[in-house]
Protein backbone atom coordinates (compact mmCIF):
# COMPACT_ATOMS: atom_id res chain seq x y z
CA UNK A 1 36.35 -6.97 -13.89
CA UNK A 2 32.82 -5.92 -13.01
CA UNK A 3 31.86 -5.07 -9.45
CA UNK A 4 29.20 -7.42 -8.17
CA UNK A 5 26.05 -5.53 -7.25
CA UNK A 6 23.67 -6.78 -4.57
CA UNK A 7 19.95 -6.05 -4.81
CA UNK A 8 18.58 -4.47 -1.64
CA UNK A 9 15.00 -3.90 -0.60
CA UNK A 10 13.92 -0.90 1.39
CA UNK A 11 11.06 1.32 2.43
CA UNK A 12 10.64 5.02 2.92
CA UNK A 13 8.32 5.92 5.80
CA UNK A 14 7.28 8.98 7.75
CA UNK A 15 7.71 9.31 11.53
CA UNK A 16 4.43 7.44 12.10
CA UNK A 17 5.64 4.45 10.03
CA UNK A 18 3.38 5.15 7.06
CA UNK A 19 4.90 4.42 3.65
CA UNK A 20 5.75 7.49 1.56
CA UNK A 21 4.59 6.74 -1.96
CA UNK A 22 6.48 7.95 -5.05
CA UNK A 23 9.47 9.19 -3.01
CA UNK A 24 12.80 9.30 -4.87
CA UNK A 25 15.74 7.35 -3.38
CA UNK A 26 19.34 8.05 -4.39
CA UNK A 27 22.92 7.50 -3.23
CA UNK A 28 24.60 10.74 -2.15
CA UNK A 29 27.92 9.34 -0.95
CA UNK A 30 29.69 6.00 -1.19
CA UNK A 31 33.00 4.16 -1.07
CA UNK A 32 32.25 2.53 -4.45
CA UNK A 33 31.00 4.15 -7.62
CA UNK A 34 27.26 4.03 -8.24
CA UNK A 35 25.14 5.25 -11.12
CA UNK A 36 23.83 8.75 -10.49
CA UNK A 37 20.18 7.86 -10.83
CA UNK A 38 17.25 7.87 -8.47
CA UNK A 39 14.76 5.07 -8.01
CA UNK A 40 11.10 5.79 -7.39
CA UNK A 41 9.20 4.11 -4.56
CA UNK A 42 5.90 2.38 -5.15
CA UNK A 43 2.67 3.67 -3.59
CA UNK A 44 3.54 2.02 -0.24
CA UNK A 45 7.09 3.44 -0.09
CA UNK A 46 8.91 0.23 -1.12
CA UNK A 47 11.97 0.35 -3.40
CA UNK A 48 14.80 -1.82 -4.72
CA UNK A 49 18.37 -0.61 -5.15
CA UNK A 50 21.40 -2.51 -6.52
CA UNK A 51 24.67 -1.54 -4.82
CA UNK A 52 28.22 -2.91 -4.86
CA UNK A 53 29.89 -3.75 -1.53
CA UNK A 54 30.89 -0.65 0.43
CA UNK A 55 29.51 2.09 2.68
CA UNK A 56 26.80 4.40 1.39
CA UNK A 57 24.71 7.37 2.45
CA UNK A 58 21.27 7.13 0.89
CA UNK A 59 18.67 9.88 0.81
CA UNK A 60 14.97 9.89 0.05
CA UNK A 61 12.91 12.88 -1.02
CA UNK A 62 9.13 12.94 -0.92
CA UNK A 63 7.04 14.58 -3.62
CA UNK A 64 6.45 17.42 -1.10
CA UNK A 65 10.22 17.99 -0.79
CA UNK A 66 10.81 16.43 2.65
CA UNK A 67 14.17 14.65 2.94
CA UNK A 68 15.47 11.77 5.05
CA UNK A 69 18.67 9.76 4.92
CA UNK A 70 20.43 6.69 6.28
CA UNK A 71 23.90 5.20 6.15
CA UNK A 72 24.43 1.52 5.36
CA UNK A 73 27.31 -0.87 4.93
CA UNK A 74 26.82 -3.30 2.07
CA UNK A 75 28.51 -6.66 2.34
CA UNK A 76 26.91 -9.83 1.04
CA UNK A 77 23.22 -10.53 0.93
CA UNK A 78 20.11 -8.41 0.95
CA UNK A 79 20.27 -5.50 3.38
CA UNK A 80 16.95 -4.00 4.39
CA UNK A 81 17.19 -0.25 3.94
CA UNK A 82 14.87 1.88 6.08
CA UNK A 83 14.65 5.63 5.51
CA UNK A 84 12.45 7.89 7.63
CA UNK A 85 11.48 11.35 6.43
CA UNK A 86 9.63 14.21 8.10
CA UNK A 87 6.57 15.44 6.24
């Protein structure tokens, strides 16, 4: 039986709310298994990530090496994932 994955939309921003382009977003911890890959944000900091139901800690890393993270609980439907990093 395959775990159903839910597509989520998110954005990586700095403390001023500006999108961080080309940041990498990846799951660092979760209650369900996830592929160990990173997704790359577009130029405005937007990304999409498919996750199974569960609780996850997600990190983002800018091209300059700044890191931010958030914790989310995935149930049903599209969760908006917001990650803020310090430049």
